[in-house]
N, C-alpha and C. Protein backbone atom coordinates (compact mmCIF):
# COMPACT_ATOMS: atom_id res chain seq x y z
N UNK A 1 -7.71 21.75 3.65
CA UNK A 1 -8.18 22.20 4.96
C UNK A 1 -8.81 21.03 5.77
N UNK A 2 -9.53 20.18 5.07
CA UNK A 2 -10.09 18.84 5.74
C UNK A 2 -8.96 18.02 6.20
N UNK A 3 -7.90 17.90 5.41
CA UNK A 3 -6.69 17.08 5.77
C UNK A 3 -5.96 17.60 7.03
N UNK A 4 -5.88 18.89 7.10
CA UNK A 4 -5.26 19.48 8.22
C UNK A 4 -6.04 19.31 9.53
N UNK A 5 -7.35 19.43 9.41
CA UNK A 5 -8.28 19.14 10.51
C UNK A 5 -8.17 17.74 10.96
N UNK A 6 -8.22 16.86 9.92
CA UNK A 6 -8.12 15.35 10.29
C UNK A 6 -6.85 15.02 11.00
N UNK A 7 -5.73 15.63 10.53
CA UNK A 7 -4.40 15.36 11.20
C UNK A 7 -4.42 15.95 12.55
N UNK A 8 -5.02 17.11 12.84
CA UNK A 8 -5.09 17.60 14.16
C UNK A 8 -5.94 16.73 15.01
N UNK A 9 -7.02 16.22 14.47
CA UNK A 9 -7.87 15.29 15.31
C UNK A 9 -7.03 14.07 15.55
N UNK A 10 -6.40 13.49 14.72
CA UNK A 10 -5.57 12.15 14.90
C UNK A 10 -4.58 12.52 16.04
N UNK A 11 -3.94 13.72 16.09
CA UNK A 11 -3.00 13.94 17.13
C UNK A 11 -3.71 14.16 18.47
N UNK A 12 -4.85 14.78 18.47
CA UNK A 12 -5.52 14.84 19.77
C UNK A 12 -6.06 13.61 20.30
N UNK A 13 -6.46 12.67 19.38
CA UNK A 13 -6.93 11.30 19.74
C UNK A 13 -5.71 10.51 20.44
N UNK A 14 -4.51 10.72 19.84
CA UNK A 14 -3.37 10.06 20.25
C UNK A 14 -2.97 10.57 21.68
N UNK A 15 -3.08 11.87 21.86
CA UNK A 15 -2.81 12.50 23.13
C UNK A 15 -3.77 12.01 24.22
N UNK A 16 -5.02 12.01 23.91
CA UNK A 16 -6.06 11.62 24.81
C UNK A 16 -5.86 10.09 25.17
N UNK A 17 -5.52 9.26 24.21
CA UNK A 17 -5.12 7.85 24.54
C UNK A 17 -3.98 7.79 25.56
N UNK A 18 -2.88 8.55 25.21
CA UNK A 18 -1.79 8.55 26.21
C UNK A 18 -2.19 8.90 27.52
N UNK A 19 -3.02 9.96 27.74
CA UNK A 19 -3.38 10.42 28.98
C UNK A 19 -4.37 9.32 29.67
N UNK A 20 -5.25 8.76 28.84
CA UNK A 20 -6.23 7.79 29.46
C UNK A 20 -5.50 6.55 29.87
N UNK A 21 -4.56 6.11 29.13
CA UNK A 21 -3.89 4.84 29.37
C UNK A 21 -2.68 4.89 30.27
N UNK A 22 -2.29 6.14 30.53
CA UNK A 22 -1.12 6.39 31.35
C UNK A 22 0.21 6.01 30.78
N UNK A 23 0.22 5.96 29.48
CA UNK A 23 1.52 5.66 28.84
C UNK A 23 2.35 6.86 28.70
N UNK A 24 3.71 6.59 28.77
CA UNK A 24 4.58 7.65 28.39
C UNK A 24 4.50 8.07 26.92
N UNK A 25 5.09 9.12 26.55
CA UNK A 25 5.17 9.62 25.14
C UNK A 25 6.05 8.63 24.31
N UNK A 26 6.06 8.85 23.06
CA UNK A 26 6.73 7.98 22.16
C UNK A 26 8.23 7.76 22.52
N UNK A 27 8.90 8.76 22.93
CA UNK A 27 10.19 8.66 23.25
C UNK A 27 10.49 7.65 24.40
N UNK A 28 11.30 6.66 24.12
CA UNK A 28 11.65 5.68 25.08
C UNK A 28 10.56 4.66 25.30
N UNK A 29 9.50 4.64 24.71
CA UNK A 29 8.38 3.68 24.88
C UNK A 29 8.56 2.57 23.80
N UNK A 30 8.36 1.37 24.21
CA UNK A 30 8.49 0.21 23.34
C UNK A 30 7.24 -0.03 22.45
N UNK A 31 6.09 0.47 23.02
CA UNK A 31 4.86 0.44 22.25
C UNK A 31 4.49 -1.04 22.13
N UNK A 32 3.57 -1.26 21.08
CA UNK A 32 2.96 -2.52 20.90
C UNK A 32 3.52 -3.06 19.55
N UNK A 33 4.20 -4.19 19.62
CA UNK A 33 4.84 -4.74 18.36
C UNK A 33 3.72 -5.50 17.58
N UNK A 34 3.46 -4.98 16.41
CA UNK A 34 2.36 -5.58 15.57
C UNK A 34 2.91 -6.81 14.96
N UNK A 35 4.17 -6.97 14.64
CA UNK A 35 4.77 -8.23 14.10
C UNK A 35 4.59 -9.33 15.24
N UNK A 36 4.84 -9.12 16.41
CA UNK A 36 4.75 -10.08 17.55
C UNK A 36 3.26 -10.54 17.65
N UNK A 37 2.40 -9.55 17.48
CA UNK A 37 0.95 -9.94 17.59
C UNK A 37 0.61 -10.82 16.48
N UNK A 38 1.06 -10.48 15.27
CA UNK A 38 0.76 -11.34 13.98
C UNK A 38 1.31 -12.74 14.16
N UNK A 39 2.59 -12.85 14.78
CA UNK A 39 3.06 -14.15 14.97
C UNK A 39 2.28 -14.97 16.02
N UNK A 40 1.88 -14.30 17.10
CA UNK A 40 1.07 -15.06 18.15
C UNK A 40 -0.31 -15.53 17.41
N UNK A 41 -0.84 -14.66 16.66
CA UNK A 41 -2.17 -15.08 15.96
C UNK A 41 -1.92 -16.22 15.02
N UNK A 42 -0.85 -16.24 14.36
CA UNK A 42 -0.56 -17.27 13.39
C UNK A 42 -0.37 -18.57 14.15
N UNK A 43 0.29 -18.50 15.20
CA UNK A 43 0.57 -19.73 16.07
C UNK A 43 -0.74 -20.23 16.61
N UNK A 44 -1.55 -19.34 17.20
CA UNK A 44 -2.87 -19.68 17.76
C UNK A 44 -3.82 -20.27 16.70
N UNK A 45 -3.75 -19.74 15.47
CA UNK A 45 -4.55 -20.23 14.31
C UNK A 45 -4.07 -21.63 13.97
N UNK A 46 -2.80 -21.92 13.92
CA UNK A 46 -2.20 -23.21 13.60
C UNK A 46 -2.65 -24.30 14.60
N UNK A 47 -2.70 -23.87 15.91
CA UNK A 47 -3.12 -24.78 16.91
C UNK A 47 -4.60 -25.28 16.71
N UNK A 48 -5.35 -24.50 16.01
CA UNK A 48 -6.72 -24.83 15.64
C UNK A 48 -6.83 -25.56 14.38
N UNK A 49 -5.62 -25.91 13.72
CA UNK A 49 -5.63 -26.49 12.44
C UNK A 49 -5.96 -25.62 11.19
N UNK A 50 -5.82 -24.32 11.43
CA UNK A 50 -6.07 -23.48 10.30
C UNK A 50 -4.75 -22.73 9.90
N UNK A 51 -4.76 -22.04 8.77
CA UNK A 51 -3.52 -21.36 8.25
C UNK A 51 -3.80 -19.85 8.18
N UNK A 52 -2.87 -19.08 8.82
CA UNK A 52 -2.69 -17.71 8.76
C UNK A 52 -1.38 -17.38 8.14
N UNK A 53 -1.44 -16.83 6.80
CA UNK A 53 -0.19 -16.52 6.15
C UNK A 53 0.13 -15.17 6.52
N UNK A 54 1.42 -15.00 6.94
CA UNK A 54 2.00 -13.64 7.37
C UNK A 54 2.77 -13.07 6.21
N UNK A 55 2.67 -11.80 5.97
CA UNK A 55 3.48 -11.02 5.07
C UNK A 55 3.91 -9.71 5.73
N UNK A 56 4.94 -9.82 6.54
CA UNK A 56 5.42 -8.78 7.39
C UNK A 56 6.75 -8.16 6.72
N UNK A 57 6.49 -6.85 6.14
CA UNK A 57 7.50 -6.11 5.49
C UNK A 57 8.61 -5.65 6.49
N UNK A 58 8.23 -5.21 7.68
CA UNK A 58 9.22 -4.82 8.74
C UNK A 58 8.46 -4.78 10.07
N UNK A 59 9.29 -5.01 11.10
CA UNK A 59 8.58 -4.88 12.44
C UNK A 59 8.16 -3.47 12.77
N UNK A 60 6.98 -3.25 13.01
CA UNK A 60 6.38 -1.89 13.29
C UNK A 60 5.72 -1.89 14.62
N UNK A 61 5.64 -0.72 15.27
CA UNK A 61 5.01 -0.70 16.61
C UNK A 61 3.95 0.42 16.55
N UNK A 62 2.98 0.28 17.34
CA UNK A 62 1.96 1.41 17.57
C UNK A 62 1.84 1.55 19.08
N UNK A 63 1.11 2.52 19.51
CA UNK A 63 0.80 2.66 20.94
C UNK A 63 -0.49 1.98 21.28
N UNK A 64 -0.75 1.86 22.57
CA UNK A 64 -2.00 1.27 23.08
C UNK A 64 -1.77 0.14 24.14
N UNK A 65 -2.84 -0.46 24.45
CA UNK A 65 -2.73 -1.62 25.33
C UNK A 65 -2.56 -2.79 24.54
N UNK A 66 -1.48 -3.54 24.67
CA UNK A 66 -1.14 -4.71 23.89
C UNK A 66 -2.33 -5.71 23.73
N UNK A 67 -2.82 -6.04 24.87
CA UNK A 67 -4.08 -6.99 24.79
C UNK A 67 -5.29 -6.52 23.91
N UNK A 68 -5.52 -5.22 24.15
CA UNK A 68 -6.54 -4.72 23.35
C UNK A 68 -6.31 -4.57 21.88
N UNK A 69 -5.02 -4.27 21.51
CA UNK A 69 -4.73 -4.17 20.09
C UNK A 69 -4.74 -5.63 19.52
N UNK A 70 -4.23 -6.54 20.34
CA UNK A 70 -4.25 -8.00 19.89
C UNK A 70 -5.64 -8.40 19.71
N UNK A 71 -6.58 -8.12 20.61
CA UNK A 71 -7.93 -8.48 20.60
C UNK A 71 -8.65 -7.94 19.30
N UNK A 72 -8.34 -6.72 19.01
CA UNK A 72 -8.95 -6.07 17.77
C UNK A 72 -8.54 -6.80 16.56
N UNK A 73 -7.22 -7.07 16.44
CA UNK A 73 -6.70 -7.68 15.17
C UNK A 73 -7.16 -9.14 15.19
N UNK A 74 -7.14 -9.81 16.32
CA UNK A 74 -7.63 -11.18 16.47
C UNK A 74 -8.99 -11.31 16.08
N UNK A 75 -9.84 -10.27 16.40
CA UNK A 75 -11.23 -10.36 16.09
C UNK A 75 -11.44 -10.35 14.54
N UNK A 76 -10.63 -9.47 13.87
CA UNK A 76 -10.68 -9.49 12.38
C UNK A 76 -10.22 -10.96 11.75
N UNK A 77 -9.20 -11.47 12.43
CA UNK A 77 -8.68 -12.71 11.94
C UNK A 77 -9.73 -13.79 12.17
N UNK A 78 -10.35 -13.82 13.34
CA UNK A 78 -11.28 -14.77 13.57
C UNK A 78 -12.56 -14.72 12.70
N UNK A 79 -13.02 -13.55 12.40
CA UNK A 79 -14.05 -13.28 11.47
C UNK A 79 -13.75 -13.94 10.07
N UNK A 80 -12.49 -13.65 9.66
CA UNK A 80 -11.99 -14.08 8.33
C UNK A 80 -11.92 -15.62 8.32
N UNK A 81 -11.58 -16.22 9.40
CA UNK A 81 -11.51 -17.65 9.42
C UNK A 81 -12.93 -18.29 9.40
N UNK A 82 -13.81 -17.57 10.22
CA UNK A 82 -15.14 -18.04 10.22
C UNK A 82 -15.90 -17.90 8.84
N UNK A 83 -15.43 -16.93 8.10
CA UNK A 83 -16.07 -16.72 6.78
C UNK A 83 -15.48 -17.62 5.66
N UNK A 84 -14.41 -18.30 5.96
CA UNK A 84 -13.71 -19.07 4.94
C UNK A 84 -13.94 -20.50 5.16
N UNK A 85 -13.70 -21.25 4.06
CA UNK A 85 -13.79 -22.77 4.15
C UNK A 85 -12.43 -23.16 4.99
N UNK A 86 -12.56 -24.30 5.67
CA UNK A 86 -11.52 -24.77 6.55
C UNK A 86 -10.23 -24.91 5.87
N UNK A 87 -10.19 -25.29 4.54
CA UNK A 87 -8.95 -25.50 3.78
C UNK A 87 -8.39 -24.16 3.30
N UNK A 88 -9.12 -23.10 3.35
CA UNK A 88 -8.77 -21.76 2.73
C UNK A 88 -8.00 -21.02 3.75
N UNK A 89 -6.68 -20.62 3.44
CA UNK A 89 -5.96 -19.85 4.38
C UNK A 89 -6.40 -18.35 4.41
N UNK A 90 -6.04 -17.64 5.48
CA UNK A 90 -6.31 -16.29 5.71
C UNK A 90 -4.97 -15.52 5.59
N UNK A 91 -4.90 -14.41 5.07
CA UNK A 91 -3.66 -13.65 4.92
C UNK A 91 -3.57 -12.47 5.85
N UNK A 92 -2.51 -12.30 6.49
CA UNK A 92 -2.32 -11.03 7.29
C UNK A 92 -1.07 -10.37 6.84
N UNK A 93 -1.21 -9.04 6.40
CA UNK A 93 -0.04 -8.36 5.86
C UNK A 93 0.30 -7.10 6.71
N UNK A 94 1.51 -6.73 6.90
CA UNK A 94 1.97 -5.61 7.65
C UNK A 94 2.99 -4.80 6.97
N UNK A 95 2.73 -3.57 6.69
CA UNK A 95 3.70 -2.74 6.06
C UNK A 95 3.62 -1.28 6.50
N UNK A 96 4.62 -0.56 6.21
CA UNK A 96 4.59 0.98 6.59
C UNK A 96 3.85 1.80 5.46
N UNK A 97 3.01 2.70 5.85
CA UNK A 97 2.29 3.56 4.96
C UNK A 97 2.30 4.95 5.47
N UNK A 98 3.40 5.66 5.12
CA UNK A 98 3.56 7.04 5.69
C UNK A 98 3.85 6.88 7.15
N UNK A 99 3.02 7.59 8.06
CA UNK A 99 3.21 7.55 9.37
C UNK A 99 2.34 6.57 10.03
N UNK A 100 1.83 5.61 9.29
CA UNK A 100 0.90 4.60 9.75
C UNK A 100 1.52 3.20 9.53
N UNK A 101 1.15 2.27 10.40
CA UNK A 101 1.31 0.84 10.12
C UNK A 101 0.05 0.41 9.38
N UNK A 102 0.15 -0.20 8.31
CA UNK A 102 -0.97 -0.74 7.55
C UNK A 102 -1.05 -2.23 7.71
N UNK A 103 -2.05 -2.65 8.40
CA UNK A 103 -2.22 -4.08 8.68
C UNK A 103 -3.51 -4.60 8.01
N UNK A 104 -3.44 -5.52 7.21
CA UNK A 104 -4.65 -6.00 6.47
C UNK A 104 -4.89 -7.44 6.78
N UNK A 105 -6.13 -7.81 6.95
CA UNK A 105 -6.51 -9.23 7.07
C UNK A 105 -7.42 -9.48 5.91
N UNK A 106 -7.05 -10.52 5.10
CA UNK A 106 -7.68 -10.77 3.82
C UNK A 106 -8.18 -12.22 3.78
N UNK A 107 -9.42 -12.39 3.41
CA UNK A 107 -9.89 -13.74 3.20
C UNK A 107 -10.54 -13.82 1.91
N UNK A 108 -10.83 -15.14 1.50
CA UNK A 108 -11.56 -15.30 0.19
C UNK A 108 -12.84 -16.05 0.59
N UNK A 109 -13.47 -15.57 1.63
CA UNK A 109 -14.58 -16.25 2.23
C UNK A 109 -15.94 -15.75 1.56
N UNK A 110 -16.98 -15.85 2.39
CA UNK A 110 -18.38 -15.55 1.86
C UNK A 110 -18.53 -14.12 1.57
N UNK A 111 -17.73 -13.25 2.14
CA UNK A 111 -17.98 -11.69 1.95
C UNK A 111 -19.21 -11.15 2.50
N UNK A 112 -19.34 -9.84 2.35
CA UNK A 112 -20.57 -9.11 2.83
C UNK A 112 -20.96 -8.18 1.75
N UNK A 113 -22.22 -7.74 1.76
CA UNK A 113 -22.73 -6.78 0.76
C UNK A 113 -22.23 -5.43 1.15
N UNK A 114 -22.13 -4.58 0.20
CA UNK A 114 -21.78 -3.21 0.45
C UNK A 114 -22.73 -2.53 1.46
N UNK A 115 -23.99 -2.86 1.21
CA UNK A 115 -24.97 -2.27 2.14
C UNK A 115 -24.77 -2.68 3.58
N UNK A 116 -24.49 -4.01 3.82
CA UNK A 116 -24.23 -4.43 5.22
C UNK A 116 -22.95 -3.71 5.76
N UNK A 117 -21.88 -3.62 4.95
CA UNK A 117 -20.58 -2.89 5.41
C UNK A 117 -20.94 -1.47 5.74
N UNK A 118 -21.65 -0.89 4.87
CA UNK A 118 -21.95 0.61 5.02
C UNK A 118 -22.90 0.90 6.15
N UNK A 119 -24.01 0.16 6.22
CA UNK A 119 -25.10 0.51 7.20
C UNK A 119 -25.10 -0.32 8.50
N UNK A 120 -24.53 -1.42 8.56
CA UNK A 120 -24.64 -2.29 9.72
C UNK A 120 -23.46 -2.87 10.44
N UNK A 121 -22.34 -2.99 9.67
CA UNK A 121 -21.18 -3.71 10.25
C UNK A 121 -20.64 -3.04 11.54
N UNK A 122 -20.61 -1.74 11.58
CA UNK A 122 -20.00 -1.10 12.78
C UNK A 122 -21.12 -0.59 13.88
N UNK A 123 -22.31 -1.15 13.65
CA UNK A 123 -23.32 -0.82 14.62
C UNK A 123 -23.38 -1.95 15.68
N UNK A 124 -23.56 -1.71 16.89
CA UNK A 124 -23.70 -2.72 17.85
C UNK A 124 -24.95 -3.72 17.57
N UNK A 125 -24.77 -4.97 17.86
CA UNK A 125 -25.89 -5.90 17.81
C UNK A 125 -26.27 -6.23 16.33
N UNK A 126 -25.43 -6.04 15.42
CA UNK A 126 -25.70 -6.34 14.02
C UNK A 126 -24.63 -7.46 13.66
N UNK A 127 -24.98 -8.55 13.25
CA UNK A 127 -24.04 -9.56 12.77
C UNK A 127 -24.61 -10.42 11.67
N UNK A 128 -23.71 -11.05 10.83
CA UNK A 128 -24.06 -12.02 9.82
C UNK A 128 -24.03 -13.36 10.43
N UNK A 129 -23.46 -13.56 11.56
CA UNK A 129 -23.34 -14.89 12.19
C UNK A 129 -24.59 -15.31 13.05
N UNK A 130 -24.90 -16.59 12.87
CA UNK A 130 -26.09 -16.96 13.62
C UNK A 130 -25.92 -16.73 15.16
N UNK A 131 -24.71 -16.95 15.68
CA UNK A 131 -24.48 -16.91 17.12
C UNK A 131 -23.68 -15.69 17.49
N UNK A 132 -23.48 -14.76 16.53
CA UNK A 132 -22.72 -13.52 16.85
C UNK A 132 -23.53 -12.52 17.60
N UNK A 133 -22.77 -11.73 18.47
CA UNK A 133 -23.50 -10.64 19.17
C UNK A 133 -23.42 -9.32 18.52
N UNK A 134 -22.46 -9.14 17.43
CA UNK A 134 -22.44 -8.02 16.65
C UNK A 134 -21.77 -6.84 17.37
N UNK A 135 -20.92 -7.05 18.39
CA UNK A 135 -20.22 -5.97 19.05
C UNK A 135 -18.76 -5.89 18.78
N UNK A 136 -18.16 -6.94 18.27
CA UNK A 136 -16.73 -6.90 17.99
C UNK A 136 -16.27 -5.87 17.05
N UNK A 137 -16.91 -5.75 15.93
CA UNK A 137 -16.56 -4.76 14.88
C UNK A 137 -16.74 -3.36 15.45
N UNK A 138 -17.89 -3.15 16.16
CA UNK A 138 -18.08 -1.83 16.75
C UNK A 138 -17.00 -1.47 17.75
N UNK A 139 -16.75 -2.35 18.70
CA UNK A 139 -15.63 -2.12 19.65
C UNK A 139 -14.34 -1.81 18.99
N UNK A 140 -14.03 -2.65 17.97
CA UNK A 140 -12.73 -2.56 17.24
C UNK A 140 -12.65 -1.13 16.62
N UNK A 141 -13.71 -0.68 15.91
CA UNK A 141 -13.67 0.58 15.34
C UNK A 141 -13.45 1.73 16.32
N UNK A 142 -14.16 1.63 17.47
CA UNK A 142 -14.03 2.70 18.50
C UNK A 142 -12.56 2.72 19.09
N UNK A 143 -11.98 1.54 19.36
CA UNK A 143 -10.59 1.58 19.80
C UNK A 143 -9.61 2.05 18.79
N UNK A 144 -9.73 1.67 17.63
CA UNK A 144 -8.81 2.04 16.53
C UNK A 144 -8.85 3.58 16.43
N UNK A 145 -10.09 4.20 16.53
CA UNK A 145 -10.28 5.57 16.32
C UNK A 145 -9.62 6.29 17.57
N UNK A 146 -9.85 5.69 18.81
CA UNK A 146 -9.23 6.23 19.98
C UNK A 146 -7.65 6.32 19.85
N UNK A 147 -7.09 5.39 19.14
CA UNK A 147 -5.69 5.36 18.93
C UNK A 147 -5.24 6.39 17.91
N UNK A 148 -6.16 7.00 17.21
CA UNK A 148 -5.80 7.88 16.11
C UNK A 148 -5.75 7.17 14.80
N UNK A 149 -6.23 6.02 14.74
CA UNK A 149 -6.06 5.18 13.52
C UNK A 149 -7.41 5.13 12.71
N UNK A 150 -7.40 4.34 11.70
CA UNK A 150 -8.53 4.09 10.80
C UNK A 150 -8.81 2.57 10.64
N UNK A 151 -10.03 2.29 10.34
CA UNK A 151 -10.40 0.90 10.08
C UNK A 151 -11.35 0.89 8.83
N UNK A 152 -10.96 0.23 7.80
CA UNK A 152 -11.75 0.20 6.60
C UNK A 152 -12.00 -1.22 6.21
N UNK A 153 -13.18 -1.48 5.54
CA UNK A 153 -13.50 -2.84 5.11
C UNK A 153 -13.97 -2.79 3.74
N UNK A 154 -13.43 -3.73 2.92
CA UNK A 154 -13.88 -3.84 1.52
C UNK A 154 -14.26 -5.30 1.44
N UNK A 155 -15.47 -5.49 0.88
CA UNK A 155 -16.01 -6.79 0.88
C UNK A 155 -16.92 -7.01 -0.33
N UNK A 156 -17.00 -8.24 -0.81
CA UNK A 156 -17.89 -8.48 -1.94
C UNK A 156 -18.44 -9.91 -1.75
N UNK A 157 -19.75 -10.08 -1.64
CA UNK A 157 -20.34 -11.44 -1.53
C UNK A 157 -19.72 -12.43 -2.43
N UNK A 158 -19.31 -13.59 -1.79
CA UNK A 158 -18.81 -14.72 -2.61
C UNK A 158 -17.27 -14.54 -2.97
N UNK A 159 -16.71 -13.38 -2.77
CA UNK A 159 -15.28 -13.26 -3.13
C UNK A 159 -14.36 -13.00 -1.96
N UNK A 160 -14.90 -12.50 -0.79
CA UNK A 160 -14.12 -12.30 0.40
C UNK A 160 -14.14 -10.94 0.89
N UNK A 161 -13.20 -10.69 1.91
CA UNK A 161 -13.15 -9.44 2.58
C UNK A 161 -11.68 -9.03 3.02
N UNK A 162 -11.51 -7.82 2.87
CA UNK A 162 -10.24 -7.14 3.21
C UNK A 162 -10.41 -6.14 4.31
N UNK A 163 -9.99 -6.42 5.53
CA UNK A 163 -10.03 -5.44 6.55
C UNK A 163 -8.71 -4.73 6.79
N UNK A 164 -8.72 -3.45 6.67
CA UNK A 164 -7.42 -2.66 6.77
C UNK A 164 -7.42 -1.77 7.97
N UNK A 165 -6.39 -1.97 8.76
CA UNK A 165 -6.16 -1.16 9.89
C UNK A 165 -5.01 -0.24 9.64
N UNK A 166 -5.21 1.07 9.81
CA UNK A 166 -4.24 2.05 9.73
C UNK A 166 -4.01 2.56 11.15
N UNK A 167 -2.85 2.14 11.76
CA UNK A 167 -2.51 2.45 13.14
C UNK A 167 -1.29 3.38 13.12
N UNK A 168 -1.40 4.51 13.88
CA UNK A 168 -0.25 5.41 13.97
C UNK A 168 1.09 4.70 14.42
N UNK A 169 2.11 4.89 13.70
CA UNK A 169 3.31 4.42 14.11
C UNK A 169 3.86 4.98 15.41
N UNK A 170 4.49 4.13 16.25
CA UNK A 170 5.17 4.65 17.42
C UNK A 170 6.62 4.59 17.12
N UNK A 171 7.19 5.81 16.98
CA UNK A 171 8.65 5.86 16.72
C UNK A 171 9.46 5.90 18.00
N UNK A 172 10.36 4.94 18.18
CA UNK A 172 11.16 4.93 19.35
C UNK A 172 12.45 5.51 19.08
N UNK A 173 13.13 6.13 20.04
CA UNK A 173 14.46 6.65 19.84
C UNK A 173 15.36 5.70 20.43
N UNK A 174 16.36 5.24 19.69
CA UNK A 174 17.34 4.30 20.23
C UNK A 174 18.49 5.30 20.74
N UNK A 175 19.26 4.78 21.73
CA UNK A 175 20.32 5.57 22.25
C UNK A 175 21.46 5.45 21.25
N UNK A 176 22.24 6.53 21.10
CA UNK A 176 23.33 6.48 20.13
C UNK A 176 24.35 5.52 20.47
N UNK A 177 24.97 4.96 19.34
CA UNK A 177 26.07 3.95 19.63
C UNK A 177 27.17 4.52 20.39
N UNK A 178 27.70 3.89 21.28
CA UNK A 178 28.90 4.25 22.09
C UNK A 178 30.12 4.00 21.23
N UNK A 179 31.09 4.93 21.22
CA UNK A 179 32.30 4.72 20.39
C UNK A 179 33.25 3.79 21.00
């Protein structure tokens, strides 16, 4: 019963996002290419002398505003880079998980306590950084939920962090091949 309710809520969130953003439905819409975003983030990271390793199983798309989706994923990548030694690469993986695109940002940096992740990470104005404002994770969670997705964080002090985005897949219909 809970799963049915959650699926209905996800569909309502997706519909509300479509209406709010003025985007057409999934049919005929190109959506937001997550692989293209991953490649742009890898290139931007390389320009700063850092390494973002990509593991893209297949090109997947979701709906939303491309710049906002890129900002949300970029925020997770930047946090991973900030938490890691300069010589330590960060990994970004993308794969299909049922009707979702599963995108993970994984680092072997300083990590966060379970208490911080549970109680403070997604609250505004809470940060582990000396100069952080603590609103990026909060805004990211809000936007991912608006899209009908999920955002999960697993972290352990001294071992690193894995940020998992589950974003609803945008299925496009291609026109049938002409004989």
